[in-house]
């Protein structure tokens, strides 16, 4: 028996390279199929969302949000121009040196970039929140549970809202005086967890 066992063991070892290549090919094939399936599913979801945004009742909310976002984006250069004008007038009024005014005007670019980043962060979160709200209301949801990001950057007033039920038609006034839904105010990472009708 020992010679047969030895032979089978040697044969098994001889198969190591082949088995590794075969298993790797199998895993690669499964991974490629999975990737293709996920890409197709992602494309289908993206197309369905695009269709929903422009044709379904939820699309009205997204179109309104788009109009607001266009206004915000267009305000960036207008705000910069207004700032330059105010700096120039202030410089004339208090007899500032030209170099000081120039330095402040150059800083206007930094202010504009900062504002653009704030708008991008805020409006991305707000778009997700508004879409969630529109979809939930479309199927009869009356409200949501306020959820927070759960880290140290969460505002105190938002922490106080965590886990509370909020009606879609009545955004809460928080302890800091702001009235807003989850995820719909500057730099907010909170989100609404819809309460769906039975």
Protein backbone atom coordinates (compact mmCIF):
# COMPACT_ATOMS: atom_id res chain seq x y z
CA UNK A 1 0.00 0.00 0.00
CA UNK A 2 2.81 2.42 0.84
CA UNK A 3 4.17 2.59 -2.77
CA UNK A 4 0.67 3.42 -4.09
CA UNK A 5 0.19 6.10 -1.41
CA UNK A 6 3.62 7.56 -2.24
CA UNK A 7 2.78 7.60 -5.95
CA UNK A 8 -0.57 9.29 -5.34
CA UNK A 9 1.06 11.85 -3.09
CA UNK A 10 3.71 12.64 -5.75
CA UNK A 11 1.00 12.84 -8.38
CA UNK A 12 -0.94 15.26 -6.13
CA UNK A 13 2.15 17.44 -5.75
CA UNK A 14 2.70 17.37 -9.51
CA UNK A 15 -0.79 18.81 -9.93
CA UNK A 16 -0.07 21.85 -7.72
CA UNK A 17 0.79 24.23 -10.57
CA UNK A 18 -2.04 23.03 -12.79
CA UNK A 19 -4.54 23.21 -9.90
CA UNK A 20 -3.40 26.73 -9.00
CA UNK A 21 -3.71 27.90 -12.63
CA UNK A 22 -7.12 26.25 -13.02
CA UNK A 23 -8.46 27.67 -9.76
CA UNK A 24 -7.10 31.14 -10.63
CA UNK A 25 -8.77 30.97 -14.05
CA UNK A 26 -12.05 29.93 -12.44
CA UNK A 27 -11.89 32.78 -9.91
CA UNK A 28 -10.98 35.28 -12.66
CA UNK A 29 -13.89 34.09 -14.79
CA UNK A 30 -16.35 34.42 -11.90
CA UNK A 31 -14.94 37.86 -11.05
CA UNK A 32 -15.26 38.97 -14.69
CA UNK A 33 -18.88 37.74 -14.83
CA UNK A 34 -19.65 39.46 -11.53
CA UNK A 35 -18.04 42.71 -12.70
CA UNK A 36 -20.00 42.57 -15.96
CA UNK A 37 -23.25 41.86 -14.08
CA UNK A 38 -22.61 44.73 -11.63
CA UNK A 39 -21.74 47.13 -14.44
CA UNK A 40 -24.94 46.16 -16.26
CA UNK A 41 -26.99 46.49 -13.06
CA UNK A 42 -25.39 49.88 -12.38
CA UNK A 43 -26.17 51.05 -15.92
CA UNK A 44 -29.77 49.82 -15.59
CA UNK A 45 -30.19 51.57 -12.22
CA UNK A 46 -28.64 54.75 -13.61
CA UNK A 47 -30.97 54.70 -16.63
CA UNK A 48 -34.02 54.00 -14.44
CA UNK A 49 -33.06 56.85 -12.10
CA UNK A 50 -32.54 59.21 -15.04
CA UNK A 51 -35.96 58.21 -16.41
CA UNK A 52 -37.56 58.70 -12.97
CA UNK A 53 -35.95 62.10 -12.47
CA UNK A 54 -37.28 63.46 -15.75
CA UNK A 55 -40.65 61.71 -16.10
CA UNK A 56 -42.01 60.46 -12.75
CA UNK A 57 -43.71 62.67 -10.14
CA UNK A 58 -40.48 62.57 -8.13
CA UNK A 59 -38.85 64.30 -11.07
CA UNK A 60 -40.68 67.53 -10.27
CA UNK A 61 -38.82 67.78 -6.95
CA UNK A 62 -35.51 67.14 -8.70
CA UNK A 63 -36.24 69.74 -11.39
CA UNK A 64 -37.03 72.33 -8.71
CA UNK A 65 -33.80 71.45 -6.90
CA UNK A 66 -31.84 71.74 -10.15
CA UNK A 67 -33.17 75.27 -10.66
CA UNK A 68 -32.12 76.23 -7.13
CA UNK A 69 -28.67 74.73 -7.65
CA UNK A 70 -28.18 76.62 -10.91
CA UNK A 71 -28.99 79.86 -9.06
CA UNK A 72 -26.48 79.00 -6.31
CA UNK A 73 -23.73 78.21 -8.80
CA UNK A 74 -24.41 81.38 -10.78
CA UNK A 75 -24.15 83.38 -7.55
CA UNK A 76 -20.45 82.52 -7.09
CA UNK A 77 -19.04 84.97 -9.69
CA UNK A 78 -21.66 87.57 -8.78
CA UNK A 79 -20.66 87.34 -5.11
CA UNK A 80 -16.99 87.62 -6.10
CA UNK A 81 -17.69 90.70 -8.22
CA UNK A 82 -19.69 92.28 -5.39
CA UNK A 83 -16.84 91.57 -2.96
CA UNK A 84 -14.28 93.18 -5.30
CA UNK A 85 -16.52 96.24 -5.66
CA UNK A 86 -16.97 96.53 -1.88
CA UNK A 87 -13.22 96.12 -1.28
CA UNK A 88 -12.45 98.82 -3.82
CA UNK A 89 -14.93 101.24 -2.28
CA UNK A 90 -13.71 100.47 1.24
CA UNK A 91 -10.14 101.03 0.07
CA UNK A 92 -11.05 104.43 -1.31
CA UNK A 93 -12.97 105.38 1.82
CA UNK A 94 -10.20 104.50 4.28
CA UNK A 95 -7.30 105.41 1.98
CA UNK A 96 -5.87 101.87 1.85
CA UNK A 97 -2.81 101.33 -0.26
CA UNK A 98 -3.35 99.79 -3.65
CA UNK A 99 -1.27 96.74 -2.76
CA UNK A 100 -3.53 96.01 0.24
CA UNK A 101 -6.62 96.19 -1.94
CA UNK A 102 -5.00 93.96 -4.57
CA UNK A 103 -4.14 91.36 -1.90
CA UNK A 104 -7.74 91.32 -0.66
CA UNK A 105 -9.09 91.08 -4.21
CA UNK A 106 -6.80 88.10 -4.87
CA UNK A 107 -8.23 86.49 -1.74
CA UNK A 108 -11.66 86.74 -3.38
CA UNK A 109 -10.64 83.80 -5.57
CA UNK A 110 -10.00 81.71 -2.45
CA UNK A 111 -13.36 82.78 -1.05
CA UNK A 112 -15.04 81.74 -4.32
CA UNK A 113 -13.36 78.31 -4.30
CA UNK A 114 -14.34 77.82 -0.68
CA UNK A 115 -17.93 78.79 -1.47
CA UNK A 116 -18.00 76.47 -4.49
CA UNK A 117 -16.81 73.57 -2.32
CA UNK A 118 -19.46 74.35 0.28
CA UNK A 119 -22.17 74.45 -2.39
CA UNK A 120 -20.97 71.17 -3.91
CA UNK A 121 -20.95 69.34 -0.57
CA UNK A 122 -24.26 70.75 0.57
CA UNK A 123 -26.11 70.33 -2.69
CA UNK A 124 -24.95 66.73 -3.20
CA UNK A 125 -26.35 65.77 0.20
CA UNK A 126 -29.47 67.86 -0.34
CA UNK A 127 -30.15 66.26 -3.73
CA UNK A 128 -29.99 62.78 -2.16
CA UNK A 129 -32.28 63.87 0.68
CA UNK A 130 -34.80 65.56 -1.65
CA UNK A 131 -34.89 62.51 -3.94
CA UNK A 132 -35.46 60.24 -0.93
CA UNK A 133 -38.25 62.53 0.25
CA UNK A 134 -39.94 62.69 -3.17
CA UNK A 135 -39.79 58.92 -3.62
CA UNK A 136 -41.05 58.22 -0.10
CA UNK A 137 -43.94 60.67 -0.38
CA UNK A 138 -44.83 59.25 -3.80
CA UNK A 139 -45.54 55.87 -2.17
CA UNK A 140 -47.40 57.36 0.77
CA UNK A 141 -44.72 57.92 3.43
CA UNK A 142 -45.68 60.63 5.90
CA UNK A 143 -42.26 61.05 7.47
CA UNK A 144 -38.86 59.71 8.33
CA UNK A 145 -36.47 58.94 11.16
CA UNK A 146 -33.61 61.48 11.41
CA UNK A 147 -30.23 59.71 11.22
CA UNK A 148 -26.79 61.23 11.84
CA UNK A 149 -23.32 60.40 10.50
CA UNK A 150 -22.30 59.38 14.01
CA UNK A 151 -18.91 61.03 14.39
CA UNK A 152 -17.54 63.98 16.36
CA UNK A 153 -18.31 66.48 13.56
CA UNK A 154 -22.09 66.15 13.94
CA UNK A 155 -23.70 69.37 15.16
CA UNK A 156 -25.17 69.21 18.67
CA UNK A 157 -28.61 70.22 17.38
CA UNK A 158 -28.48 67.36 14.86
CA UNK A 159 -27.41 64.84 17.52
CA UNK A 160 -30.51 65.81 19.45
CA UNK A 161 -32.63 64.90 16.41
CA UNK A 162 -31.07 61.46 15.91
CA UNK A 163 -33.74 58.74 15.98
CA UNK A 164 -36.68 61.16 16.04
CA UNK A 165 -39.65 60.91 13.70
CA UNK A 166 -40.10 63.94 11.41
CA UNK A 167 -43.04 64.61 9.10
CA UNK A 168 -42.11 65.43 5.50
CA UNK A 169 -44.57 68.31 5.46
CA UNK A 170 -43.16 69.89 8.62
CA UNK A 171 -39.38 70.38 8.77
CA UNK A 172 -38.33 70.71 12.41
CA UNK A 173 -36.84 73.80 14.00
CA UNK A 174 -33.70 72.58 15.73
CA UNK A 175 -32.27 73.77 19.05
CA UNK A 176 -29.84 76.06 17.16
CA UNK A 177 -32.79 77.85 15.53
CA UNK A 178 -32.44 76.39 12.03
CA UNK A 179 -35.46 74.84 10.33
CA UNK A 180 -34.46 72.00 8.04
CA UNK A 181 -34.91 68.38 7.09
CA UNK A 182 -32.05 65.90 7.56
CA UNK A 183 -29.32 66.42 4.96
CA UNK A 184 -30.79 69.65 3.60
CA UNK A 185 -28.65 72.35 5.23
CA UNK A 186 -25.04 73.42 4.65
CA UNK A 187 -22.42 70.73 5.37
CA UNK A 188 -25.06 68.36 6.82
CA UNK A 189 -24.29 64.67 6.50
CA UNK A 190 -27.48 63.52 8.24
CA UNK A 191 -30.02 61.59 6.22
CA UNK A 192 -33.72 60.74 6.34
CA UNK A 193 -34.66 57.10 6.87
CA UNK A 194 -38.19 56.96 5.38
CA UNK A 195 -40.97 55.36 7.38
CA UNK A 196 -42.88 53.45 4.72
CA UNK A 197 -46.61 52.80 4.86
CA UNK A 198 -47.70 49.22 5.54
